[in-house]
């Protein structure tokens, strides 16, 4: 008898660029840090590392929202990254 465990496919690891794509996609309308962390399935330390990179690269910007919480928003450069990465994914499809 096949169990649920037997039917699971092996997990596929995401590339660094896949994770950045996920983060930028999540932040298109401006989100909190925790929304990015849970939406992109990252640990807190991974989140901080990726946020530092995307902020310093100009792909993401940080701003104050209502209630003075910090929100993260995909920049125009980040939107360009999303469009170009989608084109690249299409080229690599079998």
PDB file of N, CA and C in Angstrom:
ATOM      1  N   UNK A   1       0.848  -1.184   0.000  1.00  0.00           N
ATOM      2  CA  UNK A   1       0.000   0.000   0.000  1.00  0.00           C
ATOM      3  C   UNK A   1       0.888   1.239   0.000  1.00  0.00           C
ATOM      4  N   UNK A   2       0.577   2.186  -0.882  1.00  0.00           N
ATOM      5  CA  UNK A   2       1.358   3.418  -0.987  1.00  0.00           C
ATOM      6  C   UNK A   2       0.890   4.412   0.076  1.00  0.00           C
ATOM      7  N   UNK A   3       1.819   4.970   0.813  1.00  0.00           N
ATOM      8  CA  UNK A   3       1.474   5.965   1.820  1.00  0.00           C
ATOM      9  C   UNK A   3       1.686   7.356   1.238  1.00  0.00           C
ATOM     10  N   UNK A   4       1.199   8.355   1.937  1.00  0.00           N
ATOM     11  CA  UNK A   4       1.382   9.733   1.513  1.00  0.00           C
ATOM     12  C   UNK A   4       2.864  10.071   1.419  1.00  0.00           C
ATOM     13  N   UNK A   5       3.636   9.564   2.339  1.00  0.00           N
ATOM     14  CA  UNK A   5       5.071   9.829   2.332  1.00  0.00           C
ATOM     15  C   UNK A   5       5.738   9.289   1.071  1.00  0.00           C
ATOM     16  N   UNK A   6       5.316   8.110   0.627  1.00  0.00           N
ATOM     17  CA  UNK A   6       5.888   7.509  -0.572  1.00  0.00           C
ATOM     18  C   UNK A   6       5.550   8.298  -1.839  1.00  0.00           C
ATOM     19  N   UNK A   7       4.419   8.982  -1.834  1.00  0.00           N
ATOM     20  CA  UNK A   7       3.978   9.675  -3.040  1.00  0.00           C
ATOM     21  C   UNK A   7       4.576  11.070  -3.184  1.00  0.00           C
ATOM     22  N   UNK A   8       5.282  11.535  -2.189  1.00  0.00           N
ATOM     23  CA  UNK A   8       5.858  12.874  -2.259  1.00  0.00           C
ATOM     24  C   UNK A   8       7.010  12.911  -3.242  1.00  0.00           C
ATOM     25  N   UNK A   9       7.039  13.987  -4.012  1.00  0.00           N
ATOM     26  CA  UNK A   9       8.158  14.199  -4.924  1.00  0.00           C
ATOM     27  C   UNK A   9       9.300  14.848  -4.154  1.00  0.00           C
ATOM     28  N   UNK A  10      10.531  14.637  -4.597  1.00  0.00           N
ATOM     29  CA  UNK A  10      11.648  15.294  -3.912  1.00  0.00           C
ATOM     30  C   UNK A  10      11.529  16.814  -4.051  1.00  0.00           C
ATOM     31  N   UNK A  11      11.904  17.513  -3.004  1.00  0.00           N
ATOM     32  CA  UNK A  11      11.837  18.971  -3.028  1.00  0.00           C
ATOM     33  C   UNK A  11      12.877  19.529  -3.998  1.00  0.00           C
ATOM     34  N   UNK A  12      12.450  20.518  -4.761  1.00  0.00           N
ATOM     35  CA  UNK A  12      13.361  21.179  -5.694  1.00  0.00           C
ATOM     36  C   UNK A  12      13.864  22.456  -5.035  1.00  0.00           C
ATOM     37  N   UNK A  13      15.153  22.639  -5.022  1.00  0.00           N
ATOM     38  CA  UNK A  13      15.734  23.826  -4.421  1.00  0.00           C
ATOM     39  C   UNK A  13      15.593  25.010  -5.364  1.00  0.00           C
ATOM     40  N   UNK A  14      15.274  26.153  -4.793  1.00  0.00           N
ATOM     41  CA  UNK A  14      15.172  27.370  -5.588  1.00  0.00           C
ATOM     42  C   UNK A  14      16.551  28.001  -5.734  1.00  0.00           C
ATOM     43  N   UNK A  15      16.781  28.618  -6.862  1.00  0.00           N
ATOM     44  CA  UNK A  15      18.028  29.345  -7.050  1.00  0.00           C
ATOM     45  C   UNK A  15      17.931  30.693  -6.332  1.00  0.00           C
ATOM     46  N   UNK A  16      19.070  31.341  -6.198  1.00  0.00           N
ATOM     47  CA  UNK A  16      19.134  32.676  -5.590  1.00  0.00           C
ATOM     48  C   UNK A  16      18.215  33.622  -6.348  1.00  0.00           C
ATOM     49  N   UNK A  17      18.243  33.560  -7.681  1.00  0.00           N
ATOM     50  CA  UNK A  17      17.410  34.439  -8.499  1.00  0.00           C
ATOM     51  C   UNK A  17      15.932  34.102  -8.380  1.00  0.00           C
ATOM     52  N   UNK A  18      15.599  32.828  -8.197  1.00  0.00           N
ATOM     53  CA  UNK A  18      14.207  32.435  -7.982  1.00  0.00           C
ATOM     54  C   UNK A  18      13.663  33.071  -6.698  1.00  0.00           C
ATOM     55  N   UNK A  19      14.469  33.081  -5.665  1.00  0.00           N
ATOM     56  CA  UNK A  19      14.042  33.663  -4.388  1.00  0.00           C
ATOM     57  C   UNK A  19      13.858  35.175  -4.546  1.00  0.00           C
ATOM     58  N   UNK A  20      14.774  35.827  -5.238  1.00  0.00           N
ATOM     59  CA  UNK A  20      14.646  37.274  -5.475  1.00  0.00           C
ATOM     60  C   UNK A  20      13.373  37.555  -6.266  1.00  0.00           C
ATOM     61  N   UNK A  21      13.106  36.721  -7.273  1.00  0.00           N
ATOM     62  CA  UNK A  21      11.876  36.862  -8.054  1.00  0.00           C
ATOM     63  C   UNK A  21      10.655  36.755  -7.131  1.00  0.00           C
ATOM     64  N   UNK A  22      10.648  35.776  -6.243  1.00  0.00           N
ATOM     65  CA  UNK A  22       9.531  35.605  -5.316  1.00  0.00           C
ATOM     66  C   UNK A  22       9.354  36.837  -4.431  1.00  0.00           C
ATOM     67  N   UNK A  23      10.436  37.339  -3.891  1.00  0.00           N
ATOM     68  CA  UNK A  23      10.389  38.511  -3.013  1.00  0.00           C
ATOM     69  C   UNK A  23       9.831  39.717  -3.754  1.00  0.00           C
ATOM     70  N   UNK A  24      10.357  39.979  -4.945  1.00  0.00           N
ATOM     71  CA  UNK A  24       9.907  41.139  -5.706  1.00  0.00           C
ATOM     72  C   UNK A  24       8.447  41.007  -6.123  1.00  0.00           C
ATOM     73  N   UNK A  25       8.026  39.794  -6.437  1.00  0.00           N
ATOM     74  CA  UNK A  25       6.620  39.559  -6.802  1.00  0.00           C
ATOM     75  C   UNK A  25       5.695  39.836  -5.624  1.00  0.00           C
ATOM     76  N   UNK A  26       6.113  39.450  -4.450  1.00  0.00           N
ATOM     77  CA  UNK A  26       5.315  39.645  -3.238  1.00  0.00           C
ATOM     78  C   UNK A  26       5.213  41.130  -2.898  1.00  0.00           C
ATOM     79  N   UNK A  27       6.273  41.879  -3.139  1.00  0.00           N
ATOM     80  CA  UNK A  27       6.350  43.277  -2.698  1.00  0.00           C
ATOM     81  C   UNK A  27       5.858  44.289  -3.734  1.00  0.00           C
ATOM     82  N   UNK A  28       5.228  43.853  -4.796  1.00  0.00           N
ATOM     83  CA  UNK A  28       4.788  44.775  -5.854  1.00  0.00           C
ATOM     84  C   UNK A  28       3.867  45.872  -5.312  1.00  0.00           C
ATOM     85  N   UNK A  29       2.998  45.542  -4.368  1.00  0.00           N
ATOM     86  CA  UNK A  29       2.056  46.530  -3.831  1.00  0.00           C
ATOM     87  C   UNK A  29       2.453  47.065  -2.463  1.00  0.00           C
ATOM     88  N   UNK A  30       3.656  46.741  -2.009  1.00  0.00           N
ATOM     89  CA  UNK A  30       4.122  47.192  -0.703  1.00  0.00           C
ATOM     90  C   UNK A  30       3.654  46.265   0.398  1.00  0.00           C
ATOM     91  N   UNK A  31       4.587  45.659   1.103  1.00  0.00           N
ATOM     92  CA  UNK A  31       4.265  44.688   2.150  1.00  0.00           C
ATOM     93  C   UNK A  31       5.227  44.825   3.328  1.00  0.00           C
ATOM     94  N   UNK A  32       4.825  44.219   4.442  1.00  0.00           N
ATOM     95  CA  UNK A  32       5.676  44.178   5.625  1.00  0.00           C
ATOM     96  C   UNK A  32       6.706  43.057   5.478  1.00  0.00           C
ATOM     97  N   UNK A  33       7.725  43.150   6.308  1.00  0.00           N
ATOM     98  CA  UNK A  33       8.807  42.166   6.314  1.00  0.00           C
ATOM     99  C   UNK A  33       8.286  40.744   6.536  1.00  0.00           C
ATOM    100  N   UNK A  34       7.360  40.586   7.470  1.00  0.00           N
ATOM    101  CA  UNK A  34       6.853  39.239   7.760  1.00  0.00           C
ATOM    102  C   UNK A  34       6.079  38.653   6.584  1.00  0.00           C
ATOM    103  N   UNK A  35       5.393  39.497   5.818  1.00  0.00           N
ATOM    104  CA  UNK A  35       4.664  39.012   4.646  1.00  0.00           C
ATOM    105  C   UNK A  35       5.631  38.457   3.604  1.00  0.00           C
ATOM    106  N   UNK A  36       6.774  39.115   3.460  1.00  0.00           N
ATOM    107  CA  UNK A  36       7.795  38.611   2.538  1.00  0.00           C
ATOM    108  C   UNK A  36       8.357  37.297   3.063  1.00  0.00           C
ATOM    109  N   UNK A  37       8.661  37.249   4.353  1.00  0.00           N
ATOM    110  CA  UNK A  37       9.260  36.062   4.952  1.00  0.00           C
ATOM    111  C   UNK A  37       8.364  34.840   4.763  1.00  0.00           C
ATOM    112  N   UNK A  38       7.088  34.976   5.080  1.00  0.00           N
ATOM    113  CA  UNK A  38       6.174  33.838   4.954  1.00  0.00           C
ATOM    114  C   UNK A  38       5.825  33.548   3.495  1.00  0.00           C
ATOM    115  N   UNK A  39       5.612  34.588   2.700  1.00  0.00           N
ATOM    116  CA  UNK A  39       5.250  34.398   1.302  1.00  0.00           C
ATOM    117  C   UNK A  39       6.347  33.748   0.479  1.00  0.00           C
ATOM    118  N   UNK A  40       7.604  34.091   0.782  1.00  0.00           N
ATOM    119  CA  UNK A  40       8.735  33.522   0.055  1.00  0.00           C
ATOM    120  C   UNK A  40       9.314  32.299   0.755  1.00  0.00           C
ATOM    121  N   UNK A  41       8.710  31.924   1.888  1.00  0.00           N
ATOM    122  CA  UNK A  41       9.145  30.745   2.646  1.00  0.00           C
ATOM    123  C   UNK A  41      10.626  30.823   3.033  1.00  0.00           C
ATOM    124  N   UNK A  42      10.972  31.903   3.742  1.00  0.00           N
ATOM    125  CA  UNK A  42      12.354  32.135   4.167  1.00  0.00           C
ATOM    126  C   UNK A  42      12.446  32.169   5.683  1.00  0.00           C
ATOM    127  N   UNK A  43      13.602  31.791   6.191  1.00  0.00           N
ATOM    128  CA  UNK A  43      13.868  31.986   7.618  1.00  0.00           C
ATOM    129  C   UNK A  43      14.165  33.474   7.823  1.00  0.00           C
ATOM    130  N   UNK A  44      14.164  33.909   9.077  1.00  0.00           N
ATOM    131  CA  UNK A  44      14.437  35.318   9.351  1.00  0.00           C
ATOM    132  C   UNK A  44      15.837  35.717   8.882  1.00  0.00           C
ATOM    133  N   UNK A  45      16.829  34.874   9.111  1.00  0.00           N
ATOM    134  CA  UNK A  45      18.195  35.229   8.699  1.00  0.00           C
ATOM    135  C   UNK A  45      18.310  35.274   7.173  1.00  0.00           C
ATOM    136  N   UNK A  46      17.623  34.369   6.475  1.00  0.00           N
ATOM    137  CA  UNK A  46      17.627  34.423   5.013  1.00  0.00           C
ATOM    138  C   UNK A  46      16.942  35.696   4.537  1.00  0.00           C
ATOM    139  N   UNK A  47      15.827  36.030   5.163  1.00  0.00           N
ATOM    140  CA  UNK A  47      15.097  37.241   4.801  1.00  0.00           C
ATOM    141  C   UNK A  47      15.990  38.471   4.898  1.00  0.00           C
ATOM    142  N   UNK A  48      16.699  38.605   5.996  1.00  0.00           N
ATOM    143  CA  UNK A  48      17.566  39.773   6.196  1.00  0.00           C
ATOM    144  C   UNK A  48      18.640  39.836   5.119  1.00  0.00           C
ATOM    145  N   UNK A  49      19.229  38.710   4.795  1.00  0.00           N
ATOM    146  CA  UNK A  49      20.260  38.660   3.757  1.00  0.00           C
ATOM    147  C   UNK A  49      19.695  39.103   2.404  1.00  0.00           C
ATOM    148  N   UNK A  50      18.548  38.556   2.026  1.00  0.00           N
ATOM    149  CA  UNK A  50      17.932  38.924   0.748  1.00  0.00           C
ATOM    150  C   UNK A  50      17.458  40.370   0.736  1.00  0.00           C
ATOM    151  N   UNK A  51      16.910  40.850   1.854  1.00  0.00           N
ATOM    152  CA  UNK A  51      16.482  42.246   1.904  1.00  0.00           C
ATOM    153  C   UNK A  51      17.668  43.185   1.738  1.00  0.00           C
ATOM    154  N   UNK A  52      18.770  42.870   2.413  1.00  0.00           N
ATOM    155  CA  UNK A  52      19.970  43.704   2.272  1.00  0.00           C
ATOM    156  C   UNK A  52      20.419  43.781   0.812  1.00  0.00           C
ATOM    157  N   UNK A  53      20.414  42.636   0.137  1.00  0.00           N
ATOM    158  CA  UNK A  53      20.834  42.611  -1.260  1.00  0.00           C
ATOM    159  C   UNK A  53      19.868  43.381  -2.156  1.00  0.00           C
ATOM    160  N   UNK A  54      18.573  43.093  -2.029  1.00  0.00           N
ATOM    161  CA  UNK A  54      17.604  43.741  -2.923  1.00  0.00           C
ATOM    162  C   UNK A  54      17.511  45.248  -2.671  1.00  0.00           C
ATOM    163  N   UNK A  55      17.651  45.662  -1.423  1.00  0.00           N
ATOM    164  CA  UNK A  55      17.650  47.097  -1.123  1.00  0.00           C
ATOM    165  C   UNK A  55      18.896  47.785  -1.676  1.00  0.00           C
ATOM    166  N   UNK A  56      20.056  47.183  -1.457  1.00  0.00           N
ATOM    167  CA  UNK A  56      21.304  47.799  -1.936  1.00  0.00           C
ATOM    168  C   UNK A  56      21.412  47.783  -3.459  1.00  0.00           C
ATOM    169  N   UNK A  57      20.717  46.841  -4.107  1.00  0.00           N
ATOM    170  CA  UNK A  57      20.722  46.751  -5.572  1.00  0.00           C
ATOM    171  C   UNK A  57      19.689  47.671  -6.208  1.00  0.00           C
ATOM    172  N   UNK A  58      18.834  48.248  -5.403  1.00  0.00           N
ATOM    173  CA  UNK A  58      17.799  49.124  -5.925  1.00  0.00           C
ATOM    174  C   UNK A  58      16.614  48.382  -6.516  1.00  0.00           C
ATOM    175  N   UNK A  59      16.491  47.089  -6.197  1.00  0.00           N
ATOM    176  CA  UNK A  59      15.354  46.307  -6.679  1.00  0.00           C
ATOM    177  C   UNK A  59      14.137  46.475  -5.773  1.00  0.00           C
ATOM    178  N   UNK A  60      14.388  46.854  -4.538  1.00  0.00           N
ATOM    179  CA  UNK A  60      13.359  46.998  -3.515  1.00  0.00           C
ATOM    180  C   UNK A  60      13.627  48.296  -2.769  1.00  0.00           C
ATOM    181  N   UNK A  61      12.577  48.968  -2.326  1.00  0.00           N
ATOM    182  CA  UNK A  61      12.761  50.164  -1.496  1.00  0.00           C
ATOM    183  C   UNK A  61      11.979  49.989  -0.208  1.00  0.00           C
ATOM    184  N   UNK A  62      12.424  50.649   0.835  1.00  0.00           N
ATOM    185  CA  UNK A  62      11.763  50.607   2.145  1.00  0.00           C
ATOM    186  C   UNK A  62      11.146  51.973   2.397  1.00  0.00           C
ATOM    187  N   UNK A  63       9.928  51.959   2.953  1.00  0.00           N
ATOM    188  CA  UNK A  63       9.256  53.217   3.268  1.00  0.00           C
ATOM    189  C   UNK A  63       8.387  53.018   4.498  1.00  0.00           C
ATOM    190  N   UNK A  64       7.979  54.119   5.097  1.00  0.00           N
ATOM    191  CA  UNK A  64       7.101  54.055   6.273  1.00  0.00           C
ATOM    192  C   UNK A  64       5.651  54.044   5.814  1.00  0.00           C
ATOM    193  N   UNK A  65       4.878  53.120   6.362  1.00  0.00           N
ATOM    194  CA  UNK A  65       3.461  53.017   6.039  1.00  0.00           C
ATOM    195  C   UNK A  65       2.617  53.627   7.126  1.00  0.00           C
ATOM    196  N   UNK A  66       1.320  53.395   7.048  1.00  0.00           N
ATOM    197  CA  UNK A  66       0.407  53.844   8.101  1.00  0.00           C
ATOM    198  C   UNK A  66       0.809  53.162   9.401  1.00  0.00           C
ATOM    199  N   UNK A  67       0.743  53.875  10.480  1.00  0.00           N
ATOM    200  CA  UNK A  67       1.129  53.296  11.755  1.00  0.00           C
ATOM    201  C   UNK A  67       2.626  53.234  11.921  1.00  0.00           C
ATOM    202  N   UNK A  68       3.367  53.863  11.019  1.00  0.00           N
ATOM    203  CA  UNK A  68       4.826  53.988  11.085  1.00  0.00           C
ATOM    204  C   UNK A  68       5.577  52.668  10.917  1.00  0.00           C
ATOM    205  N   UNK A  69       4.896  51.602  10.416  1.00  0.00           N
ATOM    206  CA  UNK A  69       5.610  50.352  10.176  1.00  0.00           C
ATOM    207  C   UNK A  69       6.370  50.453   8.853  1.00  0.00           C
ATOM    208  N   UNK A  70       7.432  49.679   8.747  1.00  0.00           N
ATOM    209  CA  UNK A  70       8.239  49.699   7.544  1.00  0.00           C
ATOM    210  C   UNK A  70       7.622  48.779   6.484  1.00  0.00           C
ATOM    211  N   UNK A  71       7.452  49.331   5.289  1.00  0.00           N
ATOM    212  CA  UNK A  71       6.928  48.570   4.167  1.00  0.00           C
ATOM    213  C   UNK A  71       8.004  48.466   3.093  1.00  0.00           C
ATOM    214  N   UNK A  72       7.967  47.371   2.356  1.00  0.00           N
ATOM    215  CA  UNK A  72       8.917  47.140   1.276  1.00  0.00           C
ATOM    216  C   UNK A  72       8.158  47.110  -0.037  1.00  0.00           C
ATOM    217  N   UNK A  73       8.692  47.824  -1.029  1.00  0.00           N
ATOM    218  CA  UNK A  73       8.022  47.991  -2.312  1.00  0.00           C
ATOM    219  C   UNK A  73       9.004  47.724  -3.443  1.00  0.00           C
ATOM    220  N   UNK A  74       8.549  46.972  -4.436  1.00  0.00           N
ATOM    221  CA  UNK A  74       9.370  46.697  -5.610  1.00  0.00           C
ATOM    222  C   UNK A  74       9.529  47.991  -6.406  1.00  0.00           C
ATOM    223  N   UNK A  75      10.758  48.328  -6.748  1.00  0.00           N
ATOM    224  CA  UNK A  75      11.049  49.550  -7.504  1.00  0.00           C
ATOM    225  C   UNK A  75      10.836  49.309  -9.003  1.00  0.00           C
ATOM    226  N   UNK A  76      11.000  50.376  -9.775  1.00  0.00           N
ATOM    227  CA  UNK A  76      10.912  50.247 -11.232  1.00  0.00           C
ATOM    228  C   UNK A  76      11.982  49.285 -11.747  1.00  0.00           C
ATOM    229  N   UNK A  77      13.176  49.371 -11.175  1.00  0.00           N
ATOM    230  CA  UNK A  77      14.249  48.434 -11.550  1.00  0.00           C
ATOM    231  C   UNK A  77      13.852  47.003 -11.193  1.00  0.00           C
ATOM    232  N   UNK A  78      13.208  46.823 -10.050  1.00  0.00           N
ATOM    233  CA  UNK A  78      12.732  45.510  -9.635  1.00  0.00           C
ATOM    234  C   UNK A  78      11.654  44.972 -10.558  1.00  0.00           C
ATOM    235  N   UNK A  79      10.761  45.848 -11.012  1.00  0.00           N
ATOM    236  CA  UNK A  79       9.727  45.437 -11.971  1.00  0.00           C
ATOM    237  C   UNK A  79      10.362  45.008 -13.294  1.00  0.00           C
ATOM    238  N   UNK A  80      11.416  45.715 -13.689  1.00  0.00           N
ATOM    239  CA  UNK A  80      12.144  45.333 -14.910  1.00  0.00           C
ATOM    240  C   UNK A  80      12.789  43.963 -14.736  1.00  0.00           C
ATOM    241  N   UNK A  81      13.349  43.703 -13.551  1.00  0.00           N
ATOM    242  CA  UNK A  81      13.915  42.388 -13.246  1.00  0.00           C
ATOM    243  C   UNK A  81      12.839  41.308 -13.404  1.00  0.00           C
ATOM    244  N   UNK A  82      11.641  41.546 -12.852  1.00  0.00           N
ATOM    245  CA  UNK A  82      10.562  40.567 -12.942  1.00  0.00           C
ATOM    246  C   UNK A  82      10.212  40.258 -14.401  1.00  0.00           C
ATOM    247  N   UNK A  83      10.085  41.304 -15.228  1.00  0.00           N
ATOM    248  CA  UNK A  83       9.748  41.099 -16.642  1.00  0.00           C
ATOM    249  C   UNK A  83      10.838  40.315 -17.360  1.00  0.00           C
ATOM    250  N   UNK A  84      12.090  40.688 -17.144  1.00  0.00           N
ATOM    251  CA  UNK A  84      13.207  40.027 -17.827  1.00  0.00           C
ATOM    252  C   UNK A  84      13.381  38.586 -17.351  1.00  0.00           C
ATOM    253  N   UNK A  85      13.181  38.352 -16.065  1.00  0.00           N
ATOM    254  CA  UNK A  85      13.324  37.000 -15.533  1.00  0.00           C
ATOM    255  C   UNK A  85      12.232  36.087 -16.080  1.00  0.00           C
ATOM    256  N   UNK A  86      11.026  36.629 -16.242  1.00  0.00           N
ATOM    257  CA  UNK A  86       9.942  35.845 -16.847  1.00  0.00           C
ATOM    258  C   UNK A  86      10.279  35.480 -18.291  1.00  0.00           C
ATOM    259  N   UNK A  87      10.879  36.404 -19.027  1.00  0.00           N
ATOM    260  CA  UNK A  87      11.308  36.113 -20.408  1.00  0.00           C
ATOM    261  C   UNK A  87      12.354  34.997 -20.413  1.00  0.00           C
ATOM    262  N   UNK A  88      13.294  35.057 -19.497  1.00  0.00           N
ATOM    263  CA  UNK A  88      14.339  34.042 -19.399  1.00  0.00           C
ATOM    264  C   UNK A  88      13.741  32.678 -19.079  1.00  0.00           C
ATOM    265  N   UNK A  89      12.784  32.630 -18.161  1.00  0.00           N
ATOM    266  CA  UNK A  89      12.115  31.376 -17.830  1.00  0.00           C
ATOM    267  C   UNK A  89      11.436  30.766 -19.061  1.00  0.00           C
ATOM    268  N   UNK A  90      10.800  31.632 -19.865  1.00  0.00           N
ATOM    269  CA  UNK A  90      10.142  31.156 -21.095  1.00  0.00           C
ATOM    270  C   UNK A  90      11.158  30.538 -22.044  1.00  0.00           C
ATOM    271  N   UNK A  91      12.321  31.170 -22.169  1.00  0.00           N
ATOM    272  CA  UNK A  91      13.361  30.649 -23.065  1.00  0.00           C
ATOM    273  C   UNK A  91      13.867  29.272 -22.620  1.00  0.00           C
ATOM    274  N   UNK A  92      13.859  29.034 -21.325  1.00  0.00           N
ATOM    275  CA  UNK A  92      14.406  27.782 -20.788  1.00  0.00           C
ATOM    276  C   UNK A  92      13.383  26.660 -20.701  1.00  0.00           C
ATOM    277  N   UNK A  93      12.116  26.949 -21.014  1.00  0.00           N
ATOM    278  CA  UNK A  93      11.095  25.901 -20.981  1.00  0.00           C
ATOM    279  C   UNK A  93      11.354  24.881 -22.089  1.00  0.00           C
ATOM    280  N   UNK A  94      11.119  23.595 -21.808  1.00  0.00           N
ATOM    281  CA  UNK A  94      11.325  22.574 -22.835  1.00  0.00           C
ATOM    282  C   UNK A  94      10.323  22.692 -23.984  1.00  0.00           C
TER     283      UNK A  94
END
